[in-house]
Amino acid sequence: MQSPWPDEADLEISPASVASLLNSQTPFRLVDVRELDEWHLCKIEGAELLPLSSFAESAPRLLNDPDSHVVIYCHHGRRSAHATEWLRHHGHHKVWSMAGGIESWATDIDPATPRY
């Protein structure tokens, strides 16, 4: 059986792949690195908020299993790419940034997701 995960050399995962993982109930952590005001506008069900502004301080405590699968998203993908690179630098290799962020999620997966 083929793994539902991208290669560990890849830094991004598509919104369609994330939706498929959520639908299959594959265990992973879905982390939103936007700020609290953005979180209140919209979010993906099952996500946990870990704002990039406090990421380096909070991530070692909250994301302390380097073998767990983690998908990170933000608004467009830039902040989540930074968080992904930070985690990879700190020993996590099963972490990916969701390409295009919640904006792509809203346009490609769930049009009911508010856009801003």
N, C-alpha and C. Protein backbone atom coordinates (compact mmCIF):
# COMPACT_ATOMS: atom_id res chain seq x y z
N MET A 1 0.84 -1.19 0.00
CA MET A 1 0.00 0.00 0.00
C MET A 1 0.88 1.24 0.00
N GLN A 2 0.55 2.19 -0.84
CA GLN A 2 1.33 3.42 -0.96
C GLN A 2 0.99 4.37 0.18
N SER A 3 2.01 5.05 0.69
CA SER A 3 1.82 6.01 1.76
C SER A 3 1.02 7.21 1.26
N PRO A 4 0.11 7.74 2.10
CA PRO A 4 -0.64 8.93 1.69
C PRO A 4 0.18 10.21 1.82
N TRP A 5 1.39 10.08 2.33
CA TRP A 5 2.23 11.26 2.61
C TRP A 5 3.17 11.56 1.46
N PRO A 6 3.46 12.85 1.24
CA PRO A 6 4.49 13.21 0.25
C PRO A 6 5.85 12.69 0.72
N ASP A 7 6.78 12.66 -0.18
CA ASP A 7 8.15 12.31 0.18
C ASP A 7 8.66 13.29 1.22
N GLU A 8 9.49 12.82 2.13
CA GLU A 8 10.02 13.70 3.17
C GLU A 8 10.91 14.80 2.61
N ALA A 9 11.39 14.65 1.38
CA ALA A 9 12.19 15.70 0.75
C ALA A 9 11.31 16.87 0.30
N ASP A 10 10.02 16.60 0.11
CA ASP A 10 9.09 17.65 -0.29
C ASP A 10 8.76 18.51 0.92
N LEU A 11 8.58 19.80 0.69
CA LEU A 11 8.22 20.71 1.78
C LEU A 11 6.73 21.02 1.80
N GLU A 12 6.01 20.68 0.71
CA GLU A 12 4.60 21.03 0.63
C GLU A 12 3.73 19.80 0.39
N ILE A 13 2.47 19.97 0.81
CA ILE A 13 1.43 18.98 0.55
C ILE A 13 0.24 19.75 -0.02
N SER A 14 -0.47 19.17 -0.95
CA SER A 14 -1.59 19.86 -1.59
C SER A 14 -2.82 19.87 -0.67
N PRO A 15 -3.69 20.88 -0.84
CA PRO A 15 -4.94 20.88 -0.09
C PRO A 15 -5.77 19.61 -0.35
N ALA A 16 -5.76 19.12 -1.58
CA ALA A 16 -6.51 17.90 -1.90
C ALA A 16 -5.98 16.71 -1.10
N SER A 17 -4.67 16.62 -0.95
CA SER A 17 -4.09 15.54 -0.15
C SER A 17 -4.45 15.68 1.32
N VAL A 18 -4.47 16.92 1.82
CA VAL A 18 -4.87 17.14 3.22
C VAL A 18 -6.33 16.75 3.41
N ALA A 19 -7.21 17.12 2.48
CA ALA A 19 -8.62 16.74 2.57
C ALA A 19 -8.77 15.22 2.57
N SER A 20 -8.00 14.57 1.73
CA SER A 20 -8.04 13.11 1.67
C SER A 20 -7.59 12.49 2.99
N LEU A 21 -6.52 13.03 3.58
CA LEU A 21 -6.04 12.54 4.87
C LEU A 21 -7.10 12.74 5.96
N LEU A 22 -7.74 13.91 5.97
CA LEU A 22 -8.78 14.18 6.95
C LEU A 22 -9.96 13.22 6.77
N ASN A 23 -10.36 12.99 5.53
CA ASN A 23 -11.48 12.08 5.26
C ASN A 23 -11.18 10.64 5.61
N SER A 24 -9.92 10.25 5.49
CA SER A 24 -9.53 8.87 5.79
C SER A 24 -9.24 8.67 7.27
N GLN A 25 -9.29 9.74 8.03
CA GLN A 25 -9.01 9.73 9.46
C GLN A 25 -7.58 9.23 9.76
N THR A 26 -6.67 9.50 8.83
CA THR A 26 -5.26 9.22 9.05
C THR A 26 -4.77 10.11 10.18
N PRO A 27 -4.09 9.55 11.18
CA PRO A 27 -3.65 10.40 12.29
C PRO A 27 -2.51 11.36 11.90
N PHE A 28 -2.73 12.63 12.17
CA PHE A 28 -1.71 13.65 11.98
C PHE A 28 -2.15 14.90 12.71
N ARG A 29 -1.21 15.81 12.91
CA ARG A 29 -1.52 17.09 13.53
C ARG A 29 -1.67 18.13 12.43
N LEU A 30 -2.76 18.86 12.48
CA LEU A 30 -3.03 19.95 11.54
C LEU A 30 -2.86 21.24 12.33
N VAL A 31 -1.85 22.02 11.98
CA VAL A 31 -1.47 23.20 12.75
C VAL A 31 -1.65 24.45 11.91
N ASP A 32 -2.39 25.39 12.47
CA ASP A 32 -2.64 26.69 11.84
C ASP A 32 -1.68 27.70 12.48
N VAL A 33 -0.83 28.32 11.68
CA VAL A 33 0.13 29.28 12.24
C VAL A 33 -0.28 30.74 12.01
N ARG A 34 -1.55 30.95 11.65
CA ARG A 34 -2.03 32.33 11.53
C ARG A 34 -2.24 32.89 12.94
N GLU A 35 -2.62 34.13 13.01
CA GLU A 35 -2.85 34.78 14.30
C GLU A 35 -4.32 34.58 14.73
N LEU A 36 -4.58 34.85 16.01
CA LEU A 36 -5.89 34.59 16.60
C LEU A 36 -7.04 35.28 15.85
N ASP A 37 -6.83 36.52 15.40
CA ASP A 37 -7.90 37.21 14.69
C ASP A 37 -8.23 36.51 13.37
N GLU A 38 -7.23 35.95 12.69
CA GLU A 38 -7.46 35.21 11.46
C GLU A 38 -8.18 33.89 11.75
N TRP A 39 -7.78 33.24 12.84
CA TRP A 39 -8.38 31.98 13.28
C TRP A 39 -9.88 32.16 13.49
N HIS A 40 -10.26 33.31 14.07
CA HIS A 40 -11.67 33.57 14.32
C HIS A 40 -12.46 33.80 13.02
N LEU A 41 -11.79 34.21 11.96
CA LEU A 41 -12.46 34.41 10.67
C LEU A 41 -12.83 33.08 10.02
N CYS A 42 -11.91 32.13 10.06
CA CYS A 42 -12.12 30.82 9.45
C CYS A 42 -11.00 29.88 9.88
N LYS A 43 -11.30 28.60 9.83
CA LYS A 43 -10.29 27.58 10.14
C LYS A 43 -10.73 26.25 9.54
N ILE A 44 -9.81 25.33 9.48
CA ILE A 44 -10.12 23.99 9.01
C ILE A 44 -10.45 23.15 10.24
N GLU A 45 -11.56 22.45 10.17
CA GLU A 45 -12.01 21.62 11.29
C GLU A 45 -10.90 20.64 11.71
N GLY A 46 -10.63 20.60 12.99
CA GLY A 46 -9.61 19.69 13.53
C GLY A 46 -8.25 20.33 13.68
N ALA A 47 -8.10 21.56 13.19
CA ALA A 47 -6.80 22.24 13.30
C ALA A 47 -6.59 22.77 14.71
N GLU A 48 -5.33 22.94 15.05
CA GLU A 48 -4.97 23.58 16.32
C GLU A 48 -4.18 24.84 16.01
N LEU A 49 -4.40 25.86 16.77
CA LEU A 49 -3.76 27.16 16.54
C LEU A 49 -2.42 27.23 17.27
N LEU A 50 -1.39 27.58 16.53
CA LEU A 50 -0.05 27.80 17.08
C LEU A 50 0.54 28.96 16.28
N PRO A 51 0.18 30.20 16.64
CA PRO A 51 0.59 31.36 15.83
C PRO A 51 2.09 31.45 15.58
N LEU A 52 2.44 31.85 14.38
CA LEU A 52 3.85 31.98 14.03
C LEU A 52 4.56 32.97 14.96
N SER A 53 3.83 33.97 15.46
CA SER A 53 4.45 34.96 16.34
C SER A 53 4.98 34.35 17.64
N SER A 54 4.47 33.19 18.03
CA SER A 54 4.97 32.52 19.23
C SER A 54 5.44 31.10 18.93
N PHE A 55 5.63 30.79 17.67
CA PHE A 55 5.93 29.42 17.23
C PHE A 55 7.23 28.89 17.83
N ALA A 56 8.31 29.63 17.71
CA ALA A 56 9.61 29.14 18.20
C ALA A 56 9.60 28.90 19.70
N GLU A 57 8.79 29.66 20.40
CA GLU A 57 8.67 29.49 21.85
C GLU A 57 7.78 28.30 22.21
N SER A 58 6.67 28.11 21.49
CA SER A 58 5.68 27.09 21.84
C SER A 58 5.89 25.74 21.16
N ALA A 59 6.41 25.72 19.96
CA ALA A 59 6.52 24.48 19.19
C ALA A 59 7.31 23.38 19.89
N PRO A 60 8.46 23.68 20.52
CA PRO A 60 9.19 22.58 21.16
C PRO A 60 8.38 21.86 22.24
N ARG A 61 7.50 22.60 22.89
CA ARG A 61 6.68 22.01 23.96
C ARG A 61 5.45 21.31 23.38
N LEU A 62 4.81 21.91 22.38
CA LEU A 62 3.56 21.39 21.85
C LEU A 62 3.73 20.38 20.72
N LEU A 63 4.81 20.49 19.98
CA LEU A 63 5.10 19.56 18.88
C LEU A 63 6.37 18.80 19.24
N ASN A 64 6.29 18.03 20.28
CA ASN A 64 7.50 17.42 20.85
C ASN A 64 7.80 16.01 20.36
N ASP A 65 7.00 15.48 19.43
CA ASP A 65 7.28 14.15 18.87
C ASP A 65 7.79 14.30 17.45
N PRO A 66 9.10 14.17 17.25
CA PRO A 66 9.66 14.38 15.91
C PRO A 66 9.24 13.31 14.90
N ASP A 67 8.60 12.23 15.35
CA ASP A 67 8.16 11.18 14.43
C ASP A 67 6.69 11.32 14.02
N SER A 68 5.99 12.30 14.58
CA SER A 68 4.58 12.47 14.21
C SER A 68 4.47 13.22 12.90
N HIS A 69 3.39 12.96 12.18
CA HIS A 69 3.11 13.66 10.93
C HIS A 69 2.41 14.97 11.25
N VAL A 70 2.89 16.06 10.64
CA VAL A 70 2.34 17.38 10.89
C VAL A 70 2.13 18.10 9.56
N VAL A 71 0.95 18.71 9.41
CA VAL A 71 0.66 19.58 8.28
C VAL A 71 0.41 20.97 8.85
N ILE A 72 1.08 21.95 8.30
CA ILE A 72 0.98 23.32 8.77
C ILE A 72 0.36 24.18 7.67
N TYR A 73 -0.54 25.06 8.06
CA TYR A 73 -1.10 25.98 7.08
C TYR A 73 -1.21 27.39 7.65
N CYS A 74 -1.33 28.35 6.74
CA CYS A 74 -1.53 29.75 7.10
C CYS A 74 -2.51 30.32 6.08
N HIS A 75 -2.39 31.60 5.75
CA HIS A 75 -3.32 32.22 4.80
C HIS A 75 -2.98 31.82 3.36
N HIS A 76 -1.74 32.05 2.95
CA HIS A 76 -1.34 31.76 1.58
C HIS A 76 -0.20 30.74 1.46
N GLY A 77 0.45 30.40 2.54
CA GLY A 77 1.51 29.40 2.50
C GLY A 77 2.89 29.89 2.87
N ARG A 78 3.07 31.18 2.99
CA ARG A 78 4.40 31.72 3.30
C ARG A 78 4.80 31.45 4.76
N ARG A 79 3.91 31.78 5.69
CA ARG A 79 4.23 31.56 7.12
C ARG A 79 4.35 30.07 7.44
N SER A 80 3.48 29.27 6.83
CA SER A 80 3.56 27.83 7.09
C SER A 80 4.85 27.24 6.53
N ALA A 81 5.35 27.79 5.43
CA ALA A 81 6.63 27.34 4.89
C ALA A 81 7.76 27.65 5.88
N HIS A 82 7.72 28.83 6.51
CA HIS A 82 8.72 29.18 7.51
C HIS A 82 8.65 28.23 8.71
N ALA A 83 7.44 27.94 9.18
CA ALA A 83 7.27 27.04 10.32
C ALA A 83 7.73 25.63 9.97
N THR A 84 7.44 25.18 8.75
CA THR A 84 7.88 23.86 8.30
C THR A 84 9.40 23.78 8.29
N GLU A 85 10.05 24.79 7.73
CA GLU A 85 11.51 24.81 7.70
C GLU A 85 12.09 24.85 9.11
N TRP A 86 11.46 25.59 10.01
CA TRP A 86 11.93 25.67 11.40
C TRP A 86 11.86 24.29 12.04
N LEU A 87 10.73 23.59 11.89
CA LEU A 87 10.60 22.26 12.47
C LEU A 87 11.58 21.27 11.85
N ARG A 88 11.76 21.36 10.55
CA ARG A 88 12.72 20.46 9.89
C ARG A 88 14.13 20.70 10.43
N HIS A 89 14.46 21.95 10.64
CA HIS A 89 15.77 22.30 11.18
C HIS A 89 15.95 21.75 12.60
N HIS A 90 14.84 21.58 13.30
CA HIS A 90 14.87 21.09 14.69
C HIS A 90 14.50 19.61 14.80
N GLY A 91 14.73 18.84 13.74
CA GLY A 91 14.64 17.39 13.81
C GLY A 91 13.33 16.74 13.41
N HIS A 92 12.36 17.50 12.95
CA HIS A 92 11.10 16.93 12.48
C HIS A 92 11.20 16.76 10.97
N HIS A 93 10.96 15.54 10.48
CA HIS A 93 11.09 15.30 9.04
C HIS A 93 9.78 14.93 8.38
N LYS A 94 8.74 14.73 9.19
CA LYS A 94 7.42 14.36 8.66
C LYS A 94 6.48 15.55 8.82
N VAL A 95 6.93 16.68 8.32
CA VAL A 95 6.15 17.91 8.42
C VAL A 95 6.12 18.59 7.06
N TRP A 96 4.93 19.07 6.68
CA TRP A 96 4.74 19.71 5.39
C TRP A 96 3.88 20.96 5.53
N SER A 97 4.11 21.91 4.66
CA SER A 97 3.30 23.12 4.56
C SER A 97 2.21 22.87 3.53
N MET A 98 0.98 23.23 3.85
CA MET A 98 -0.10 23.07 2.88
C MET A 98 0.01 24.17 1.82
N ALA A 99 0.22 23.75 0.60
CA ALA A 99 0.42 24.67 -0.52
C ALA A 99 -0.78 25.60 -0.68
N GLY A 100 -0.51 26.90 -0.74
CA GLY A 100 -1.56 27.89 -0.97
C GLY A 100 -2.37 28.26 0.25
N GLY A 101 -2.12 27.60 1.38
CA GLY A 101 -2.80 27.93 2.63
C GLY A 101 -4.30 27.77 2.60
N ILE A 102 -4.95 28.42 3.57
CA ILE A 102 -6.40 28.30 3.68
C ILE A 102 -7.10 28.98 2.50
N GLU A 103 -6.41 29.87 1.82
CA GLU A 103 -6.98 30.48 0.61
C GLU A 103 -7.21 29.40 -0.45
N SER A 104 -6.22 28.53 -0.66
CA SER A 104 -6.39 27.44 -1.62
C SER A 104 -7.40 26.42 -1.13
N TRP A 105 -7.44 26.21 0.19
CA TRP A 105 -8.44 25.31 0.76
C TRP A 105 -9.85 25.83 0.40
N ALA A 106 -10.05 27.13 0.55
CA ALA A 106 -11.36 27.73 0.27
C ALA A 106 -11.73 27.66 -1.20
N THR A 107 -10.76 27.84 -2.09
CA THR A 107 -11.07 27.82 -3.52
C THR A 107 -11.12 26.41 -4.09
N ASP A 108 -10.30 25.49 -3.57
CA ASP A 108 -10.19 24.16 -4.16
C ASP A 108 -10.97 23.06 -3.43
N ILE A 109 -11.16 23.22 -2.13
CA ILE A 109 -11.74 22.12 -1.34
C ILE A 109 -13.08 22.48 -0.72
N ASP A 110 -13.15 23.59 -0.02
CA ASP A 110 -14.36 23.94 0.72
C ASP A 110 -14.75 25.39 0.46
N PRO A 111 -15.57 25.62 -0.57
CA PRO A 111 -15.97 26.98 -0.91
C PRO A 111 -16.76 27.68 0.19
N ALA A 112 -17.25 26.96 1.19
CA ALA A 112 -17.96 27.58 2.30
C ALA A 112 -17.00 28.25 3.28
N THR A 113 -15.72 27.97 3.15
CA THR A 113 -14.72 28.60 4.02
C THR A 113 -14.64 30.08 3.67
N PRO A 114 -14.87 30.96 4.65
CA PRO A 114 -14.76 32.40 4.38
C PRO A 114 -13.37 32.79 3.87
N ARG A 115 -13.34 33.70 2.92
CA ARG A 115 -12.08 34.20 2.37
C ARG A 115 -11.87 35.62 2.84
N TYR A 116 -10.61 35.99 3.00
CA TYR A 116 -10.29 37.36 3.44
C TYR A 116 -9.03 37.83 2.79
